[in-house]
C-alpha atoms as a PDB file:
ATOM      1  CA  MET A   1     -15.722  17.444  17.617  1.00  0.00           C
ATOM      2  CA  ASP A   2     -18.207  19.903  16.074  1.00  0.00           C
ATOM      3  CA  THR A   3     -21.830  19.533  14.700  1.00  0.00           C
ATOM      4  CA  LEU A   4     -23.493  18.662  11.614  1.00  0.00           C
ATOM      5  CA  ARG A   5     -25.264  21.435  10.501  1.00  0.00           C
ATOM      6  CA  THR A   6     -29.076  20.910   9.972  1.00  0.00           C
ATOM      7  CA  THR A   7     -31.730  22.717   8.130  1.00  0.00           C
ATOM      8  CA  GLU A   8     -33.009  23.654  11.511  1.00  0.00           C
ATOM      9  CA  ASN A   9     -29.772  25.557  12.099  1.00  0.00           C
ATOM     10  CA  ILE A  10     -29.433  26.950   8.769  1.00  0.00           C
ATOM     11  CA  ASP A  11     -32.884  28.373   8.665  1.00  0.00           C
ATOM     12  CA  ARG A  12     -32.883  29.116  12.095  1.00  0.00           C
ATOM     13  CA  ASP A  13     -32.850  32.772  11.666  1.00  0.00           C
ATOM     14  CA  ARG A  14     -36.079  32.974   9.739  1.00  0.00           C
ATOM     15  CA  ARG A  15     -37.941  30.623  12.229  1.00  0.00           C
ATOM     16  CA  ARG A  16     -39.533  30.442  15.805  1.00  0.00           C
ATOM     17  CA  PHE A  17     -39.166  28.330  18.090  1.00  0.00           C
ATOM     18  CA  PHE A  18     -41.406  26.976  21.125  1.00  0.00           C
ATOM     19  CA  GLY A  19     -40.347  27.854  24.489  1.00  0.00           C
ATOM     20  CA  ALA A  20     -39.243  24.681  26.703  1.00  0.00           C
ATOM     21  CA  ALA A  21     -40.445  23.621  29.930  1.00  0.00           C
ATOM     22  CA  ALA A  22     -37.971  24.036  32.868  1.00  0.00           C
ATOM     23  CA  MET A  23     -37.002  21.279  35.102  1.00  0.00           C
ATOM     24  CA  THR A  24     -36.631  22.002  38.674  1.00  0.00           C
ATOM     25  CA  ALA A  25     -33.733  20.672  40.571  1.00  0.00           C
ATOM     26  CA  ALA A  26     -34.025  19.173  44.550  1.00  0.00           C
ATOM     27  CA  ALA A  27     -31.728  19.919  46.894  1.00  0.00           C
ATOM     28  CA  ALA A  28     -31.875  16.853  49.810  1.00  0.00           C
ATOM     29  CA  GLN A  29     -28.669  14.509  50.243  1.00  0.00           C
ATOM     30  CA  PHE A  30     -27.892  11.513  47.555  1.00  0.00           C
ATOM     31  CA  GLY A  31     -27.984   8.020  49.295  1.00  0.00           C
ATOM     32  CA  MET A  32     -27.055   4.489  48.003  1.00  0.00           C
ATOM     33  CA  LEU A  33     -29.873   2.445  46.314  1.00  0.00           C
ATOM     34  CA  ALA A  34     -31.255  -0.488  47.149  1.00  0.00           C
ATOM     35  CA  SER A  35     -32.405  -2.201  44.019  1.00  0.00           C
ATOM     36  CA  ALA A  36     -32.708  -1.463  40.289  1.00  0.00           C
ATOM     37  CA  ASN A  37     -36.073   0.762  40.446  1.00  0.00           C
ATOM     38  CA  ALA A  38     -35.215   2.918  43.504  1.00  0.00           C
ATOM     39  CA  GLN A  39     -34.368   6.171  43.121  1.00  0.00           C
ATOM     40  CA  PRO A  40     -31.595   8.043  44.227  1.00  0.00           C
ATOM     41  CA  ALA A  41     -31.689  10.102  46.938  1.00  0.00           C
ATOM     42  CA  LYS A  42     -32.071  14.241  46.456  1.00  0.00           C
ATOM     43  CA  PRO A  43     -29.590  16.543  47.524  1.00  0.00           C
ATOM     44  CA  LYS A  44     -27.069  18.036  45.242  1.00  0.00           C
ATOM     45  CA  LEU A  45     -23.975  16.187  45.094  1.00  0.00           C
ATOM     46  CA  PRO A  46     -20.040  16.937  46.798  1.00  0.00           C
ATOM     47  CA  ALA A  47     -18.003  19.774  45.209  1.00  0.00           C
ATOM     48  CA  ILE A  48     -14.694  18.358  43.393  1.00  0.00           C
ATOM     49  CA  LYS A  49     -12.049  19.914  41.506  1.00  0.00           C
ATOM     50  CA  PRO A  50     -11.682  18.983  38.149  1.00  0.00           C
ATOM     51  CA  GLY A  51      -8.584  16.038  37.668  1.00  0.00           C
ATOM     52  CA  THR A  52      -9.520  15.064  41.216  1.00  0.00           C
ATOM     53  CA  HIS A  53      -9.339  11.530  39.890  1.00  0.00           C
ATOM     54  CA  THR A  54      -7.059  10.371  36.901  1.00  0.00           C
ATOM     55  CA  SER A  55      -7.786   6.398  36.506  1.00  0.00           C
ATOM     56  CA  PHE A  56     -10.933   4.121  36.188  1.00  0.00           C
ATOM     57  CA  GLY A  57      -9.165   0.959  37.244  1.00  0.00           C
ATOM     58  CA  PRO A  58      -8.839  -2.696  35.295  1.00  0.00           C
ATOM     59  CA  LEU A  59     -11.182  -2.085  32.060  1.00  0.00           C
ATOM     60  CA  LYS A  60     -13.749  -5.185  31.021  1.00  0.00           C
ATOM     61  CA  GLN A  61     -14.344  -6.386  27.623  1.00  0.00           C
ATOM     62  CA  ILE A  62     -17.389  -7.437  25.847  1.00  0.00           C
ATOM     63  CA  ASP A  63     -18.463  -8.692  22.559  1.00  0.00           C
ATOM     64  CA  ALA A  64     -21.239  -6.638  21.392  1.00  0.00           C
ATOM     65  CA  GLY A  65     -22.181  -6.492  17.310  1.00  0.00           C
ATOM     66  CA  VAL A  66     -18.970  -6.138  15.297  1.00  0.00           C
ATOM     67  CA  LEU A  67     -17.226  -4.979  18.087  1.00  0.00           C
ATOM     68  CA  ASN A  68     -15.011  -5.744  21.389  1.00  0.00           C
ATOM     69  CA  ILE A  69     -15.967  -3.017  23.645  1.00  0.00           C
ATOM     70  CA  GLY A  70     -13.490  -1.636  26.368  1.00  0.00           C
ATOM     71  CA  TYR A  71     -15.080   0.014  29.145  1.00  0.00           C
ATOM     72  CA  ALA A  72     -15.247   1.372  32.660  1.00  0.00           C
ATOM     73  CA  GLU A  73     -17.756   0.153  34.937  1.00  0.00           C
ATOM     74  CA  ALA A  74     -18.570   1.682  38.724  1.00  0.00           C
ATOM     75  CA  GLY A  75     -21.403   1.702  40.992  1.00  0.00           C
ATOM     76  CA  PRO A  76     -23.691  -0.767  42.328  1.00  0.00           C
ATOM     77  CA  ALA A  77     -24.528  -3.678  39.748  1.00  0.00           C
ATOM     78  CA  ALA A  78     -28.414  -2.964  40.886  1.00  0.00           C
ATOM     79  CA  GLY A  79     -28.096   0.258  40.447  1.00  0.00           C
ATOM     80  CA  PRO A  80     -29.946   2.558  37.523  1.00  0.00           C
ATOM     81  CA  PRO A  81     -27.941   2.169  34.769  1.00  0.00           C
ATOM     82  CA  VAL A  82     -25.715   5.321  33.153  1.00  0.00           C
ATOM     83  CA  ILE A  83     -24.306   4.758  29.733  1.00  0.00           C
ATOM     84  CA  LEU A  84     -21.320   7.918  29.041  1.00  0.00           C
ATOM     85  CA  LEU A  85     -20.397   8.486  25.897  1.00  0.00           C
ATOM     86  CA  HIS A  86     -17.103   9.977  24.585  1.00  0.00           C
ATOM     87  CA  GLY A  87     -16.357  12.233  21.819  1.00  0.00           C
ATOM     88  CA  TRP A  88     -13.399  13.298  19.017  1.00  0.00           C
ATOM     89  CA  PRO A  89     -11.079  13.765  19.569  1.00  0.00           C
ATOM     90  CA  TYR A  90     -11.287  12.568  23.617  1.00  0.00           C
ATOM     91  CA  ASP A  91     -11.745   9.709  25.396  1.00  0.00           C
ATOM     92  CA  ILE A  92     -13.125   7.782  28.375  1.00  0.00           C
ATOM     93  CA  HIS A  93     -11.165   9.674  30.564  1.00  0.00           C
ATOM     94  CA  SER A  94     -13.702  12.523  29.576  1.00  0.00           C
ATOM     95  CA  PHE A  95     -15.682  11.277  32.031  1.00  0.00           C
ATOM     96  CA  VAL A  96     -12.901   9.894  35.077  1.00  0.00           C
ATOM     97  CA  ASP A  97     -15.022  12.514  37.207  1.00  0.00           C
ATOM     98  CA  VAL A  98     -18.359  12.463  36.443  1.00  0.00           C
ATOM     99  CA  THR A  99     -17.843   8.408  37.087  1.00  0.00           C
ATOM    100  CA  PRO A 100     -17.070   8.218  41.000  1.00  0.00           C
ATOM    101  CA  LEU A 101     -19.656  11.224  41.614  1.00  0.00           C
ATOM    102  CA  LEU A 102     -22.459   8.993  40.021  1.00  0.00           C
ATOM    103  CA  ALA A 103     -21.361   5.607  41.238  1.00  0.00           C
ATOM    104  CA  ALA A 104     -21.276   7.487  44.982  1.00  0.00           C
ATOM    105  CA  ALA A 105     -24.971   8.268  43.944  1.00  0.00           C
ATOM    106  CA  GLY A 106     -26.127   4.929  44.019  1.00  0.00           C
ATOM    107  CA  TYR A 107     -25.808   4.680  39.788  1.00  0.00           C
ATOM    108  CA  ARG A 108     -24.281   1.932  37.688  1.00  0.00           C
ATOM    109  CA  VAL A 109     -21.842   3.836  35.702  1.00  0.00           C
ATOM    110  CA  ILE A 110     -20.906   2.429  32.127  1.00  0.00           C
ATOM    111  CA  VAL A 111     -18.201   4.057  30.026  1.00  0.00           C
ATOM    112  CA  PRO A 112     -17.401   2.409  26.676  1.00  0.00           C
ATOM    113  CA  TYR A 113     -14.409   3.154  23.989  1.00  0.00           C
ATOM    114  CA  LEU A 114     -16.220   4.163  21.046  1.00  0.00           C
ATOM    115  CA  ARG A 115     -15.403   2.264  17.740  1.00  0.00           C
ATOM    116  CA  GLY A 116     -11.698   3.521  17.147  1.00  0.00           C
ATOM    117  CA  TYR A 117     -10.867   3.901  20.570  1.00  0.00           C
ATOM    118  CA  GLY A 118      -8.603   2.852  22.874  1.00  0.00           C
ATOM    119  CA  ALA A 119      -9.587  -1.321  23.922  1.00  0.00           C
ATOM    120  CA  THR A 120     -12.243  -1.148  21.471  1.00  0.00           C
ATOM    121  CA  ARG A 121     -11.753  -3.654  18.484  1.00  0.00           C
ATOM    122  CA  PHE A 122     -13.462  -4.964  14.995  1.00  0.00           C
ATOM    123  CA  LEU A 123     -14.164  -8.891  15.517  1.00  0.00           C
ATOM    124  CA  SER A 124     -13.118  -9.077  11.649  1.00  0.00           C
ATOM    125  CA  SER A 125     -10.424  -7.554   9.101  1.00  0.00           C
ATOM    126  CA  ASP A 126     -12.821  -7.504   7.021  1.00  0.00           C
ATOM    127  CA  THR A 127     -15.789  -5.280   8.471  1.00  0.00           C
ATOM    128  CA  VAL A 128     -15.948  -1.777   6.936  1.00  0.00           C
ATOM    129  CA  ARG A 129     -14.296   0.996   9.134  1.00  0.00           C
ATOM    130  CA  ASN A 130     -17.815   2.642   8.946  1.00  0.00           C
ATOM    131  CA  ALA A 131     -18.226   6.007  11.159  1.00  0.00           C
ATOM    132  CA  GLN A 132     -21.386   7.165  10.065  1.00  0.00           C
ATOM    133  CA  PRO A 133     -23.573   8.529  12.853  1.00  0.00           C
ATOM    134  CA  SER A 134     -25.836   5.657  12.560  1.00  0.00           C
ATOM    135  CA  ALA A 135     -23.662   2.575  12.731  1.00  0.00           C
ATOM    136  CA  VAL A 136     -21.912   4.507  16.042  1.00  0.00           C
ATOM    137  CA  ALA A 137     -24.946   4.759  17.579  1.00  0.00           C
ATOM    138  CA  SER A 138     -26.137   1.471  16.726  1.00  0.00           C
ATOM    139  CA  ASP A 139     -22.733   0.126  18.314  1.00  0.00           C
ATOM    140  CA  THR A 140     -24.691   1.057  22.062  1.00  0.00           C
ATOM    141  CA  ILE A 141     -27.584  -0.794  20.745  1.00  0.00           C
ATOM    142  CA  ALA A 142     -25.777  -3.621  20.627  1.00  0.00           C
ATOM    143  CA  PHE A 143     -23.292  -2.564  23.967  1.00  0.00           C
ATOM    144  CA  MET A 144     -26.678  -2.277  26.113  1.00  0.00           C
ATOM    145  CA  ASP A 145     -28.177  -6.235  24.298  1.00  0.00           C
ATOM    146  CA  ALA A 146     -24.615  -7.480  25.628  1.00  0.00           C
ATOM    147  CA  LEU A 147     -24.665  -6.256  28.961  1.00  0.00           C
ATOM    148  CA  LYS A 148     -28.499  -6.997  29.262  1.00  0.00           C
ATOM    149  CA  ILE A 149     -29.503  -3.680  29.551  1.00  0.00           C
ATOM    150  CA  ASP A 150     -33.408  -2.923  28.689  1.00  0.00           C
ATOM    151  CA  LYS A 151     -33.215   0.772  29.145  1.00  0.00           C
ATOM    152  CA  ALA A 152     -30.207   3.211  30.520  1.00  0.00           C
ATOM    153  CA  ILE A 153     -29.787   6.828  30.418  1.00  0.00           C
ATOM    154  CA  LEU A 154     -27.441   8.331  28.065  1.00  0.00           C
ATOM    155  CA  ALA A 155     -25.209  11.065  28.407  1.00  0.00           C
ATOM    156  CA  GLY A 156     -22.208  12.977  26.308  1.00  0.00           C
ATOM    157  CA  PHE A 157     -20.657  15.258  24.396  1.00  0.00           C
ATOM    158  CA  ASP A 158     -19.619  16.153  21.011  1.00  0.00           C
ATOM    159  CA  TRP A 159     -19.728  12.419  18.443  1.00  0.00           C
ATOM    160  CA  GLY A 160     -21.207  11.022  22.488  1.00  0.00           C
ATOM    161  CA  ALA A 161     -23.686  13.499  22.151  1.00  0.00           C
ATOM    162  CA  ARG A 162     -24.899  12.884  18.500  1.00  0.00           C
ATOM    163  CA  THR A 163     -25.094   9.221  19.400  1.00  0.00           C
ATOM    164  CA  VAL A 164     -27.389  10.297  22.401  1.00  0.00           C
ATOM    165  CA  ASN A 165     -29.651  11.874  20.223  1.00  0.00           C
ATOM    166  CA  ILE A 166     -29.848   9.441  17.638  1.00  0.00           C
ATOM    167  CA  VAL A 167     -30.830   6.207  20.398  1.00  0.00           C
ATOM    168  CA  SER A 168     -33.211   8.041  21.834  1.00  0.00           C
ATOM    169  CA  ALA A 169     -34.966   9.081  18.615  1.00  0.00           C
ATOM    170  CA  LEU A 170     -34.631   6.208  16.684  1.00  0.00           C
ATOM    171  CA  TRP A 171     -35.177   3.793  19.764  1.00  0.00           C
ATOM    172  CA  PRO A 172     -36.893   5.873  22.990  1.00  0.00           C
ATOM    173  CA  GLU A 173     -38.156   2.215  24.560  1.00  0.00           C
ATOM    174  CA  ARG A 174     -34.076   1.843  25.375  1.00  0.00           C
ATOM    175  CA  THR A 175     -33.631   5.352  26.712  1.00  0.00           C
ATOM    176  CA  LYS A 176     -34.857   6.411  30.035  1.00  0.00           C
ATOM    177  CA  ALA A 177     -33.168  10.275  30.009  1.00  0.00           C
ATOM    178  CA  THR A 178     -30.539  11.901  28.038  1.00  0.00           C
ATOM    179  CA  VAL A 179     -28.073  14.663  29.186  1.00  0.00           C
ATOM    180  CA  SER A 180     -26.952  16.129  25.705  1.00  0.00           C
ATOM    181  CA  VAL A 181     -23.708  19.034  25.034  1.00  0.00           C
ATOM    182  CA  SER A 182     -24.511  21.502  22.426  1.00  0.00           C
ATOM    183  CA  GLY A 183     -27.906  20.055  22.240  1.00  0.00           C
ATOM    184  CA  TYR A 184     -29.544  18.316  19.098  1.00  0.00           C
ATOM    185  CA  LEU A 185     -26.747  17.139  16.668  1.00  0.00           C
ATOM    186  CA  ILE A 186     -28.931  15.182  14.199  1.00  0.00           C
ATOM    187  CA  GLY A 187     -28.151  15.890  11.000  1.00  0.00           C
ATOM    188  CA  SER A 188     -27.722  14.457   7.416  1.00  0.00           C
ATOM    189  CA  PRO A 189     -24.937  14.565   4.179  1.00  0.00           C
ATOM    190  CA  GLU A 190     -27.887  16.207   2.143  1.00  0.00           C
ATOM    191  CA  ALA A 191     -28.317  18.884   4.758  1.00  0.00           C
ATOM    192  CA  ASN A 192     -24.554  19.723   4.991  1.00  0.00           C
ATOM    193  CA  LYS A 193     -24.514  20.534   1.015  1.00  0.00           C
ATOM    194  CA  MET A 194     -26.065  24.178   1.724  1.00  0.00           C
ATOM    195  CA  PRO A 195     -22.930  26.407   2.368  1.00  0.00           C
ATOM    196  CA  ALA A 196     -22.575  28.484   5.842  1.00  0.00           C
ATOM    197  CA  PRO A 197     -20.954  32.417   6.017  1.00  0.00           C
ATOM    198  CA  PRO A 198     -17.417  32.205   5.536  1.00  0.00           C
ATOM    199  CA  LYS A 199     -16.811  32.555   9.348  1.00  0.00           C
ATOM    200  CA  ALA A 200     -18.415  29.386  10.144  1.00  0.00           C
ATOM    201  CA  GLU A 201     -17.184  27.646   7.309  1.00  0.00           C
ATOM    202  CA  PHE A 202     -13.636  28.323   8.881  1.00  0.00           C
ATOM    203  CA  ASP A 203     -14.515  26.459  12.381  1.00  0.00           C
ATOM    204  CA  TYR A 204     -14.912  23.727  10.090  1.00  0.00           C
ATOM    205  CA  TRP A 205     -11.254  24.056   8.642  1.00  0.00           C
ATOM    206  CA  TYR A 206     -10.669  19.914   9.820  1.00  0.00           C
ATOM    207  CA  GLN A 207     -13.446  18.584   7.963  1.00  0.00           C
ATOM    208  CA  PHE A 208     -12.072  20.269   4.708  1.00  0.00           C
ATOM    209  CA  TYR A 209      -8.541  18.652   5.519  1.00  0.00           C
ATOM    210  CA  PHE A 210      -9.902  15.557   5.898  1.00  0.00           C
ATOM    211  CA  ALA A 211     -11.183  15.221   2.424  1.00  0.00           C
ATOM    212  CA  THR A 212      -7.848  15.103   1.395  1.00  0.00           C
ATOM    213  CA  GLU A 213      -5.379  12.373   0.883  1.00  0.00           C
ATOM    214  CA  ARG A 214      -3.405  14.906   2.564  1.00  0.00           C
ATOM    215  CA  GLY A 215      -4.967  15.222   5.394  1.00  0.00           C
ATOM    216  CA  ARG A 216      -5.712  11.532   6.257  1.00  0.00           C
ATOM    217  CA  LEU A 217      -1.554  10.946   6.470  1.00  0.00           C
ATOM    218  CA  GLY A 218      -1.046  14.620   8.371  1.00  0.00           C
ATOM    219  CA  TYR A 219      -3.699  13.226  10.836  1.00  0.00           C
ATOM    220  CA  GLU A 220      -2.245   9.679  10.662  1.00  0.00           C
ATOM    221  CA  LYS A 221       1.612  11.397  11.280  1.00  0.00           C
ATOM    222  CA  TYR A 222       0.236  14.070  13.731  1.00  0.00           C
ATOM    223  CA  ARG A 223      -2.449  12.785  15.414  1.00  0.00           C
ATOM    224  CA  ARG A 224      -1.557  13.906  18.695  1.00  0.00           C
ATOM    225  CA  GLU A 225      -0.838  17.098  18.384  1.00  0.00           C
ATOM    226  CA  PHE A 226      -3.827  17.510  16.434  1.00  0.00           C
ATOM    227  CA  ALA A 227      -5.814  16.531  19.050  1.00  0.00           C
ATOM    228  CA  LYS A 228      -3.945  18.336  21.278  1.00  0.00           C
ATOM    229  CA  LEU A 229      -4.871  21.643  18.741  1.00  0.00           C
ATOM    230  CA  ILE A 230      -8.364  20.778  18.721  1.00  0.00           C
ATOM    231  CA  TRP A 231      -8.505  20.704  22.761  1.00  0.00           C
ATOM    232  CA  GLN A 232      -6.845  24.175  22.691  1.00  0.00           C
ATOM    233  CA  THR A 233      -9.273  25.826  20.301  1.00  0.00           C
ATOM    234  CA  ALA A 234     -12.421  23.868  21.559  1.00  0.00           C
ATOM    235  CA  SER A 235     -11.590  24.854  25.106  1.00  0.00           C
ATOM    236  CA  PRO A 236      -9.113  27.997  24.720  1.00  0.00           C
ATOM    237  CA  LYS A 237      -9.388  28.357  28.664  1.00  0.00           C
ATOM    238  CA  TRP A 238      -9.244  24.964  29.948  1.00  0.00           C
ATOM    239  CA  GLN A 239      -5.817  24.060  31.156  1.00  0.00           C
ATOM    240  CA  PHE A 240      -4.841  20.571  31.085  1.00  0.00           C
ATOM    241  CA  ASP A 241      -1.775  19.451  31.978  1.00  0.00           C
ATOM    242  CA  ASP A 242       0.737  17.316  29.738  1.00  0.00           C
ATOM    243  CA  ALA A 243      -0.342  14.277  31.846  1.00  0.00           C
ATOM    244  CA  THR A 244      -4.101  14.558  31.133  1.00  0.00           C
ATOM    245  CA  PHE A 245      -3.910  15.179  27.536  1.00  0.00           C
ATOM    246  CA  ASP A 246      -1.141  11.819  27.445  1.00  0.00           C
ATOM    247  CA  ARG A 247      -3.694   9.768  29.110  1.00  0.00           C
ATOM    248  CA  SER A 248      -6.696  10.107  26.429  1.00  0.00           C
ATOM    249  CA  ALA A 249      -4.191  10.516  23.517  1.00  0.00           C
ATOM    250  CA  ALA A 250      -2.914   6.664  24.041  1.00  0.00           C
ATOM    251  CA  ALA A 251      -6.789   5.794  22.559  1.00  0.00           C
ATOM    252  CA  PHE A 252      -6.190   7.095  19.689  1.00  0.00           C
ATOM    253  CA  ASP A 253      -3.048   4.717  19.068  1.00  0.00           C
ATOM    254  CA  ASN A 254      -6.229   2.310  18.304  1.00  0.00           C
ATOM    255  CA  PRO A 255      -5.066   0.893  14.992  1.00  0.00           C
ATOM    256  CA  ASP A 256      -8.460   1.831  13.142  1.00  0.00           C
ATOM    257  CA  HIS A 257      -8.285   5.113  14.894  1.00  0.00           C
ATOM    258  CA  VAL A 258      -7.576   7.693  11.717  1.00  0.00           C
ATOM    259  CA  ALA A 259      -9.439   5.226   9.840  1.00  0.00           C
ATOM    260  CA  ILE A 260     -12.532   5.785  11.762  1.00  0.00           C
ATOM    261  CA  SER A 261     -12.520   9.042  12.276  1.00  0.00           C
ATOM    262  CA  ILE A 262     -11.484  10.045   8.534  1.00  0.00           C
ATOM    263  CA  HIS A 263     -14.336   8.540   6.880  1.00  0.00           C
ATOM    264  CA  ASN A 264     -16.853  10.197   9.839  1.00  0.00           C
ATOM    265  CA  TYR A 265     -15.915  13.802   8.596  1.00  0.00           C
ATOM    266  CA  ARG A 266     -15.633  12.388   4.696  1.00  0.00           C
ATOM    267  CA  TRP A 267     -19.470  10.698   5.140  1.00  0.00           C
ATOM    268  CA  ARG A 268     -20.952  14.028   6.736  1.00  0.00           C
ATOM    269  CA  LEU A 269     -19.750  15.942   3.576  1.00  0.00           C
ATOM    270  CA  GLY A 270     -20.886  13.335   0.850  1.00  0.00           C
ATOM    271  CA  LEU A 271     -17.614  12.077  -0.014  1.00  0.00           C
ATOM    272  CA  ALA A 272     -17.349   8.437   1.442  1.00  0.00           C
ATOM    273  CA  GLU A 273     -20.251   5.804   1.241  1.00  0.00           C
ATOM    274  CA  GLY A 274     -22.087   4.229   4.335  1.00  0.00           C
ATOM    275  CA  GLU A 275     -23.030   0.897   4.370  1.00  0.00           C
ATOM    276  CA  ALA A 276     -26.478  -0.313   2.681  1.00  0.00           C
ATOM    277  CA  LYS A 277     -28.041  -1.653   6.149  1.00  0.00           C
ATOM    278  CA  PHE A 278     -28.211   1.438   7.944  1.00  0.00           C
ATOM    279  CA  ASP A 279     -30.265   3.167   4.717  1.00  0.00           C
ATOM    280  CA  ALA A 280     -33.401   2.981   6.493  1.00  0.00           C
ATOM    281  CA  LEU A 281     -31.987   4.804   9.922  1.00  0.00           C
ATOM    282  CA  GLU A 282     -30.119   7.099   7.257  1.00  0.00           C
ATOM    283  CA  LYS A 283     -33.783   8.122   5.833  1.00  0.00           C
ATOM    284  CA  ARG A 284     -35.060   8.457   9.070  1.00  0.00           C
ATOM    285  CA  LEU A 285     -32.551  10.873  10.488  1.00  0.00           C
ATOM    286  CA  ALA A 286     -32.418  12.915   7.801  1.00  0.00           C
ATOM    287  CA  ALA A 287     -36.359  13.754   9.084  1.00  0.00           C
ATOM    288  CA  PHE A 288     -34.477  15.058  11.859  1.00  0.00           C
ATOM    289  CA  PRO A 289     -36.797  13.112  14.257  1.00  0.00           C
ATOM    290  CA  VAL A 290     -38.285  14.919  17.254  1.00  0.00           C
ATOM    291  CA  ILE A 291     -36.879  13.245  20.811  1.00  0.00           C
ATOM    292  CA  THR A 292     -39.327  12.317  23.096  1.00  0.00           C
ATOM    293  CA  VAL A 293     -37.334  11.369  26.031  1.00  0.00           C
ATOM    294  CA  PRO A 294     -37.078  13.317  29.543  1.00  0.00           C
ATOM    295  CA  THR A 295     -33.567  15.317  28.417  1.00  0.00           C
ATOM    296  CA  ILE A 296     -31.699  18.188  29.900  1.00  0.00           C
ATOM    297  CA  THR A 297     -28.987  20.362  27.190  1.00  0.00           C
ATOM    298  CA  MET A 298     -25.817  21.569  28.475  1.00  0.00           C
ATOM    299  CA  GLU A 299     -23.254  24.481  26.912  1.00  0.00           C
ATOM    300  CA  GLY A 300     -20.317  25.774  28.101  1.00  0.00           C
ATOM    301  CA  ASP A 301     -19.707  29.376  28.156  1.00  0.00           C
ATOM    302  CA  ALA A 302     -16.252  29.498  26.249  1.00  0.00           C
ATOM    303  CA  ASN A 303     -17.179  26.837  24.344  1.00  0.00           C
ATOM    304  CA  GLY A 304     -14.651  26.790  21.228  1.00  0.00           C
ATOM    305  CA  ALA A 305     -15.713  24.272  18.921  1.00  0.00           C
ATOM    306  CA  PRO A 306     -18.925  25.160  16.209  1.00  0.00           C
ATOM    307  CA  HIS A 307     -21.879  24.354  17.952  1.00  0.00           C
ATOM    308  CA  PRO A 308     -25.788  25.770  17.644  1.00  0.00           C
ATOM    309  CA  GLU A 309     -27.730  28.132  19.965  1.00  0.00           C
ATOM    310  CA  PRO A 310     -30.083  26.464  21.863  1.00  0.00           C
ATOM    311  CA  SER A 311     -33.093  28.162  20.613  1.00  0.00           C
ATOM    312  CA  ALA A 312     -32.445  26.760  17.300  1.00  0.00           C
ATOM    313  CA  TYR A 313     -32.982  22.885  18.484  1.00  0.00           C
ATOM    314  CA  ALA A 314     -35.019  23.641  22.045  1.00  0.00           C
ATOM    315  CA  ARG A 315     -38.563  22.492  20.281  1.00  0.00           C
ATOM    316  CA  LYS A 316     -36.942  19.115  18.997  1.00  0.00           C
ATOM    317  CA  PHE A 317     -37.176  17.863  22.255  1.00  0.00           C
ATOM    318  CA  SER A 318     -40.857  17.101  23.378  1.00  0.00           C
ATOM    319  CA  GLY A 319     -40.868  15.575  26.288  1.00  0.00           C
ATOM    320  CA  LYS A 320     -39.520  17.149  29.912  1.00  0.00           C
ATOM    321  CA  TYR A 321     -36.893  19.568  28.869  1.00  0.00           C
ATOM    322  CA  SER A 322     -34.482  22.215  29.843  1.00  0.00           C
ATOM    323  CA  HIS A 323     -31.340  23.648  29.073  1.00  0.00           C
ATOM    324  CA  ARG A 324     -28.309  24.518  31.241  1.00  0.00           C
ATOM    325  CA  LEU A 325     -25.487  27.273  30.679  1.00  0.00           C
ATOM    326  CA  ILE A 326     -22.531  26.271  33.017  1.00  0.00           C
ATOM    327  CA  LYS A 327     -20.319  29.471  33.367  1.00  0.00           C
ATOM    328  CA  GLY A 328     -16.682  29.799  34.371  1.00  0.00           C
ATOM    329  CA  GLY A 329     -14.681  29.341  31.024  1.00  0.00           C
ATOM    330  CA  ILE A 330     -16.271  25.967  30.698  1.00  0.00           C
ATOM    331  CA  GLY A 331     -15.213  24.225  26.808  1.00  0.00           C
ATOM    332  CA  HIS A 332     -16.283  21.561  24.592  1.00  0.00           C
ATOM    333  CA  ASN A 333     -15.322  18.935  26.582  1.00  0.00           C
ATOM    334  CA  LEU A 334     -17.907  19.989  29.312  1.00  0.00           C
ATOM    335  CA  PRO A 335     -17.963  16.192  31.927  1.00  0.00           C
ATOM    336  CA  GLN A 336     -14.096  16.667  32.267  1.00  0.00           C
ATOM    337  CA  GLU A 337     -13.923  20.774  32.797  1.00  0.00           C
ATOM    338  CA  ALA A 338     -16.755  20.741  34.913  1.00  0.00           C
ATOM    339  CA  PRO A 339     -17.624  17.058  36.268  1.00  0.00           C
ATOM    340  CA  ARG A 340     -20.016  17.568  39.311  1.00  0.00           C
ATOM    341  CA  ALA A 341     -22.471  20.382  36.447  1.00  0.00           C
ATOM    342  CA  PHE A 342     -22.566  17.265  33.835  1.00  0.00           C
ATOM    343  CA  ALA A 343     -23.289  14.725  36.966  1.00  0.00           C
ATOM    344  CA  GLU A 344     -25.677  16.913  38.702  1.00  0.00           C
ATOM    345  CA  ALA A 345     -27.550  16.850  34.809  1.00  0.00           C
ATOM    346  CA  VAL A 346     -27.681  13.057  35.064  1.00  0.00           C
ATOM    347  CA  VAL A 347     -29.186  12.650  38.323  1.00  0.00           C
ATOM    348  CA  ASP A 348     -31.976  15.442  37.849  1.00  0.00           C
ATOM    349  CA  VAL A 349     -32.599  14.241  33.946  1.00  0.00           C
ATOM    350  CA  ASN A 350     -33.343  10.712  36.244  1.00  0.00           C
ATOM    351  CA  LYS A 351     -35.816  12.217  38.300  1.00  0.00           C
ATOM    352  CA  ALA A 352     -37.691  13.691  35.447  1.00  0.00           C
END
């Protein structure tokens, strides 16, 4: 959970940002696609009550880069591919209601577990348990290569949104369009050296906790209690039940989950090294590259997690762009709390 503080965010009160073009939404009926090049038909998706679906069915596994990735897949194999990426501390069930909506509209929907979650495993015990953002984003490219997907729509939130941003910024030729909850989340340890006001620092309490050995041991021992607290604070109006939480919490039993989580937050604060093979990518990301592919950014009106204001990142998107505020007490886990709105954003950005 959370947002890397970028120089854009730190200095935003002193900057002026350009407005962004708004995308228009169509209103006809969606139909099934006849081929990978066909566009979904055009009206709104059906209404769905969050929590309607509880399972993806049997998962698939594939070797991709340094990982054997566990993933769910639904929809026609010839449909436009959509890859949905979850965050911390969540899992693929954040998209359990989004997936059937998009599959019914003709998309090939693919939902992988990130490294350190669920059925995803490192192929070698010798591989560094590295969770720097460029490494996590590189997993997506390796995953697409393994599935022989040349270009896909990418959509996500939290760590997933950051990965969507990175892939679309560094590999725009692999990205047809993106949906990103909380906007532009690319950052760097150097930018993170800049102090924030006390209230903002307070919101990042878990990063400082994870910087200590006590924090690592605490997360190891209390990972489910920790995750539930994050869910409650990040989505204060989301009344999830125990069964909903438990389905996702099972993903945290992955043997590398703690190491991956701790490394990610320590790396952000400059307290853990990354891998040299990603240095060139991190150098490019530290320049906060503009994202050129069509994008819709989203925010829930009750997001309790740290997140930038839309005006702070609008000019980081130079392609067709619009921002949507989703009302109704929607928190940080937007796709699970408002699945129809998230699915509609995917369909609409595909038409850009």
